[in-house]
Amino acid sequence: MEEFFNELFDYNFFCNKQLIEACSDLKEVPKESMRLFSHILNAHQIWNARINGLESEFGAWDEHPLKTWEEIHYENQRNTFEIITNTDDYETRIDYQNIEGRLFTNTIQDMLFHIINHSTHHRAQILADFRANGLEPVSLDYVFYKR
């Protein structure tokens, strides 16, 4: 399982880095893309904090300036790799509150996979936003990463 999650998070890191670089090359990043990428960063940090039993530093929809994305992204990735490395049982269940204060329980495996799936979902929205704003979307398919 550790190898599987390391591969997924390597791919996730690659995709987010590609988007950060693409946005950095733009004169102006579309507002919705800024909002969505900030949300990707926030959600990743929130789920890491839940797994580690900590309070989150960010709200789900806090917005971050582009110049801070790389640092936040790197820190999220570093924390996730620590979680993966230090997890003995991915079926361990963790209790947490969602952003509305409701109590839930999920396994570490579910939480880690959610980070990946959630990020993929919102990256697709960002790429659609690029196209809607006349910008060329970045190719983030898994096969491009593996080539």
C-alpha atoms as a PDB file:
ATOM      1  CA  MET A   1       0.000   0.000   0.000  1.00  0.00           C
ATOM      2  CA  GLU A   2       2.866   2.367   0.779  1.00  0.00           C
ATOM      3  CA  GLU A   3       4.257   1.987  -2.740  1.00  0.00           C
ATOM      4  CA  PHE A   4       0.806   2.578  -4.236  1.00  0.00           C
ATOM      5  CA  PHE A   5       0.276   5.808  -2.299  1.00  0.00           C
ATOM      6  CA  ASN A   6       3.807   7.024  -2.986  1.00  0.00           C
ATOM      7  CA  GLU A   7       3.137   6.616  -6.719  1.00  0.00           C
ATOM      8  CA  LEU A   8      -0.232   8.398  -6.534  1.00  0.00           C
ATOM      9  CA  PHE A   9       1.190  11.310  -4.583  1.00  0.00           C
ATOM     10  CA  ASP A  10       4.187  11.586  -6.898  1.00  0.00           C
ATOM     11  CA  TYR A  11       1.718  11.914  -9.764  1.00  0.00           C
ATOM     12  CA  ASN A  12      -0.397  14.390  -7.790  1.00  0.00           C
ATOM     13  CA  PHE A  13       2.730  16.443  -7.059  1.00  0.00           C
ATOM     14  CA  PHE A  14       3.687  16.407 -10.755  1.00  0.00           C
ATOM     15  CA  CYS A  15       0.218  17.581 -11.835  1.00  0.00           C
ATOM     16  CA  ASN A  16       0.016  20.383  -9.310  1.00  0.00           C
ATOM     17  CA  LYS A  17       3.541  21.499 -10.160  1.00  0.00           C
ATOM     18  CA  GLN A  18       2.613  21.601 -13.863  1.00  0.00           C
ATOM     19  CA  LEU A  19      -0.388  23.809 -13.069  1.00  0.00           C
ATOM     20  CA  ILE A  20       1.646  26.110 -10.822  1.00  0.00           C
ATOM     21  CA  GLU A  21       4.205  26.556 -13.608  1.00  0.00           C
ATOM     22  CA  ALA A  22       1.490  27.144 -16.230  1.00  0.00           C
ATOM     23  CA  CYS A  23      -0.211  29.755 -14.050  1.00  0.00           C
ATOM     24  CA  SER A  24       3.118  31.418 -13.287  1.00  0.00           C
ATOM     25  CA  ASP A  25       3.646  31.903 -17.030  1.00  0.00           C
ATOM     26  CA  LEU A  26       0.325  33.728 -17.470  1.00  0.00           C
ATOM     27  CA  LYS A  27      -0.076  37.488 -17.333  1.00  0.00           C
ATOM     28  CA  GLU A  28      -3.303  36.944 -15.419  1.00  0.00           C
ATOM     29  CA  VAL A  29      -4.647  33.697 -13.954  1.00  0.00           C
ATOM     30  CA  PRO A  30      -8.426  33.332 -14.325  1.00  0.00           C
ATOM     31  CA  LYS A  31     -10.152  34.112 -11.027  1.00  0.00           C
ATOM     32  CA  GLU A  32     -11.967  30.756 -10.881  1.00  0.00           C
ATOM     33  CA  SER A  33      -8.695  28.888 -11.470  1.00  0.00           C
ATOM     34  CA  MET A  34      -7.103  30.828  -8.600  1.00  0.00           C
ATOM     35  CA  ARG A  35     -10.027  29.941  -6.343  1.00  0.00           C
ATOM     36  CA  LEU A  36     -10.017  26.260  -7.298  1.00  0.00           C
ATOM     37  CA  PHE A  37      -6.271  25.748  -6.999  1.00  0.00           C
ATOM     38  CA  SER A  38      -6.271  27.413  -3.582  1.00  0.00           C
ATOM     39  CA  HIS A  39      -9.045  24.995  -2.625  1.00  0.00           C
ATOM     40  CA  ILE A  40      -6.949  22.016  -3.784  1.00  0.00           C
ATOM     41  CA  LEU A  41      -4.089  23.195  -1.572  1.00  0.00           C
ATOM     42  CA  ASN A  42      -6.400  23.852   1.370  1.00  0.00           C
ATOM     43  CA  ALA A  43      -8.172  20.503   1.158  1.00  0.00           C
ATOM     44  CA  HIS A  44      -4.877  18.625   1.003  1.00  0.00           C
ATOM     45  CA  GLN A  45      -3.662  20.467   4.099  1.00  0.00           C
ATOM     46  CA  ILE A  46      -6.991  19.906   5.904  1.00  0.00           C
ATOM     47  CA  TRP A  47      -6.946  16.139   5.263  1.00  0.00           C
ATOM     48  CA  ASN A  48      -3.297  15.859   6.347  1.00  0.00           C
ATOM     49  CA  ALA A  49      -4.193  17.682   9.553  1.00  0.00           C
ATOM     50  CA  ARG A  50      -7.159  15.369  10.188  1.00  0.00           C
ATOM     51  CA  ILE A  51      -4.979  12.290   9.745  1.00  0.00           C
ATOM     52  CA  ASN A  52      -2.397  13.764  12.128  1.00  0.00           C
ATOM     53  CA  GLY A  53      -5.023  14.841  14.673  1.00  0.00           C
ATOM     54  CA  LEU A  54      -4.177  18.526  14.238  1.00  0.00           C
ATOM     55  CA  GLU A  55      -6.120  21.703  13.589  1.00  0.00           C
ATOM     56  CA  SER A  56      -6.050  22.883   9.995  1.00  0.00           C
ATOM     57  CA  GLU A  57      -4.172  26.061   9.140  1.00  0.00           C
ATOM     58  CA  PHE A  58      -6.571  26.897   6.298  1.00  0.00           C
ATOM     59  CA  GLY A  59     -10.264  27.106   5.672  1.00  0.00           C
ATOM     60  CA  ALA A  60     -11.561  25.074   2.735  1.00  0.00           C
ATOM     61  CA  TRP A  61     -12.037  28.108   0.480  1.00  0.00           C
ATOM     62  CA  ASP A  62      -9.250  30.429   1.685  1.00  0.00           C
ATOM     63  CA  GLU A  63      -7.529  31.999  -1.309  1.00  0.00           C
ATOM     64  CA  HIS A  64      -3.765  32.167  -1.635  1.00  0.00           C
ATOM     65  CA  PRO A  65      -1.656  34.359  -3.906  1.00  0.00           C
ATOM     66  CA  LEU A  66       0.069  32.482  -6.705  1.00  0.00           C
ATOM     67  CA  LYS A  67       3.497  33.234  -5.225  1.00  0.00           C
ATOM     68  CA  THR A  68       2.655  31.050  -2.179  1.00  0.00           C
ATOM     69  CA  TRP A  69       1.288  28.036  -4.051  1.00  0.00           C
ATOM     70  CA  GLU A  70       4.600  26.236  -4.512  1.00  0.00           C
ATOM     71  CA  GLU A  71       5.539  26.445  -0.833  1.00  0.00           C
ATOM     72  CA  ILE A  72       2.103  25.284   0.353  1.00  0.00           C
ATOM     73  CA  HIS A  73       2.124  22.487  -2.220  1.00  0.00           C
ATOM     74  CA  TYR A  74       5.583  21.310  -1.171  1.00  0.00           C
ATOM     75  CA  GLU A  75       4.630  21.341   2.521  1.00  0.00           C
ATOM     76  CA  ASN A  76       1.439  19.373   1.818  1.00  0.00           C
ATOM     77  CA  GLN A  77       3.433  16.793  -0.110  1.00  0.00           C
ATOM     78  CA  ARG A  78       6.108  16.505   2.573  1.00  0.00           C
ATOM     79  CA  ASN A  79       3.468  15.979   5.264  1.00  0.00           C
ATOM     80  CA  THR A  80       1.665  13.357   3.199  1.00  0.00           C
ATOM     81  CA  PHE A  81       4.863  11.407   2.578  1.00  0.00           C
ATOM     82  CA  GLU A  82       5.500  11.436   6.336  1.00  0.00           C
ATOM     83  CA  ILE A  83       1.997  10.050   6.869  1.00  0.00           C
ATOM     84  CA  ILE A  84       2.559   7.336   4.258  1.00  0.00           C
ATOM     85  CA  THR A  85       5.978   6.423   5.669  1.00  0.00           C
ATOM     86  CA  ASN A  86       4.767   6.289   9.275  1.00  0.00           C
ATOM     87  CA  THR A  87       1.468   4.469   8.730  1.00  0.00           C
ATOM     88  CA  ASP A  88       1.537   0.841   9.817  1.00  0.00           C
ATOM     89  CA  ASP A  89      -2.133   0.138   9.161  1.00  0.00           C
ATOM     90  CA  TYR A  90      -4.006   1.998   6.419  1.00  0.00           C
ATOM     91  CA  GLU A  91      -7.269   0.581   7.763  1.00  0.00           C
ATOM     92  CA  THR A  92      -6.888   2.622  10.960  1.00  0.00           C
ATOM     93  CA  ARG A  93     -10.072   4.632  11.420  1.00  0.00           C
ATOM     94  CA  ILE A  94      -9.867   8.319  12.294  1.00  0.00           C
ATOM     95  CA  ASP A  95     -12.667  10.433  13.721  1.00  0.00           C
ATOM     96  CA  TYR A  96     -12.895  14.024  12.491  1.00  0.00           C
ATOM     97  CA  GLN A  97     -15.285  16.917  12.003  1.00  0.00           C
ATOM     98  CA  ASN A  98     -16.055  18.229   8.550  1.00  0.00           C
ATOM     99  CA  ILE A  99     -16.102  21.962   7.834  1.00  0.00           C
ATOM    100  CA  GLU A 100     -19.748  22.072   8.964  1.00  0.00           C
ATOM    101  CA  GLY A 101     -18.901  20.500  12.319  1.00  0.00           C
ATOM    102  CA  ARG A 102     -20.437  17.072  11.597  1.00  0.00           C
ATOM    103  CA  LEU A 103     -18.599  14.025  12.955  1.00  0.00           C
ATOM    104  CA  PHE A 104     -17.344  11.322  10.586  1.00  0.00           C
ATOM    105  CA  THR A 105     -14.963   8.361  10.644  1.00  0.00           C
ATOM    106  CA  ASN A 106     -12.855   7.152   7.728  1.00  0.00           C
ATOM    107  CA  THR A 107      -9.774   5.005   7.272  1.00  0.00           C
ATOM    108  CA  ILE A 108      -6.395   6.544   6.518  1.00  0.00           C
ATOM    109  CA  GLN A 109      -6.566   4.751   3.169  1.00  0.00           C
ATOM    110  CA  ASP A 110      -9.892   6.434   2.351  1.00  0.00           C
ATOM    111  CA  MET A 111      -8.592   9.837   3.389  1.00  0.00           C
ATOM    112  CA  LEU A 112      -5.412   9.572   1.325  1.00  0.00           C
ATOM    113  CA  PHE A 113      -7.305   8.373  -1.726  1.00  0.00           C
ATOM    114  CA  HIS A 114      -9.799  11.204  -1.269  1.00  0.00           C
ATOM    115  CA  ILE A 115      -6.982  13.777  -1.455  1.00  0.00           C
ATOM    116  CA  ILE A 116      -5.959  12.357  -4.838  1.00  0.00           C
ATOM    117  CA  ASN A 117      -9.484  12.082  -6.223  1.00  0.00           C
ATOM    118  CA  HIS A 118     -10.495  15.523  -4.965  1.00  0.00           C
ATOM    119  CA  SER A 119      -7.400  17.124  -6.499  1.00  0.00           C
ATOM    120  CA  THR A 120      -8.012  15.419  -9.845  1.00  0.00           C
ATOM    121  CA  HIS A 121     -11.624  16.620  -9.886  1.00  0.00           C
ATOM    122  CA  HIS A 122     -10.710  20.241  -9.293  1.00  0.00           C
ATOM    123  CA  ARG A 123      -7.725  20.197 -11.656  1.00  0.00           C
ATOM    124  CA  ALA A 124     -10.159  19.156 -14.395  1.00  0.00           C
ATOM    125  CA  GLN A 125     -12.330  22.142 -13.516  1.00  0.00           C
ATOM    126  CA  ILE A 126      -9.277  24.402 -13.728  1.00  0.00           C
ATOM    127  CA  LEU A 127      -8.382  23.052 -17.157  1.00  0.00           C
ATOM    128  CA  ALA A 128     -11.961  23.656 -18.327  1.00  0.00           C
ATOM    129  CA  ASP A 129     -11.676  27.195 -16.947  1.00  0.00           C
ATOM    130  CA  PHE A 130      -8.450  27.673 -18.896  1.00  0.00           C
ATOM    131  CA  ARG A 131     -10.206  26.636 -22.106  1.00  0.00           C
ATOM    132  CA  ALA A 132     -13.202  28.896 -21.340  1.00  0.00           C
ATOM    133  CA  ASN A 133     -10.758  31.802 -20.985  1.00  0.00           C
ATOM    134  CA  GLY A 134      -9.002  31.075 -24.274  1.00  0.00           C
ATOM    135  CA  LEU A 135      -5.976  29.443 -22.634  1.00  0.00           C
ATOM    136  CA  GLU A 136      -4.413  26.139 -23.660  1.00  0.00           C
ATOM    137  CA  PRO A 137      -5.005  23.529 -20.927  1.00  0.00           C
ATOM    138  CA  VAL A 138      -2.008  21.655 -19.540  1.00  0.00           C
ATOM    139  CA  SER A 139      -1.819  17.921 -20.373  1.00  0.00           C
ATOM    140  CA  LEU A 140      -2.004  16.122 -17.049  1.00  0.00           C
ATOM    141  CA  ASP A 141      -2.956  12.601 -18.125  1.00  0.00           C
ATOM    142  CA  TYR A 142      -1.268   9.856 -16.149  1.00  0.00           C
ATOM    143  CA  VAL A 143       0.373   8.413 -19.268  1.00  0.00           C
ATOM    144  CA  PHE A 144       2.166  11.752 -19.867  1.00  0.00           C
ATOM    145  CA  TYR A 145       3.505  11.581 -16.332  1.00  0.00           C
ATOM    146  CA  LYS A 146       4.713   8.002 -16.861  1.00  0.00           C
ATOM    147  CA  ARG A 147       6.459   8.704 -20.195  1.00  0.00           C
END
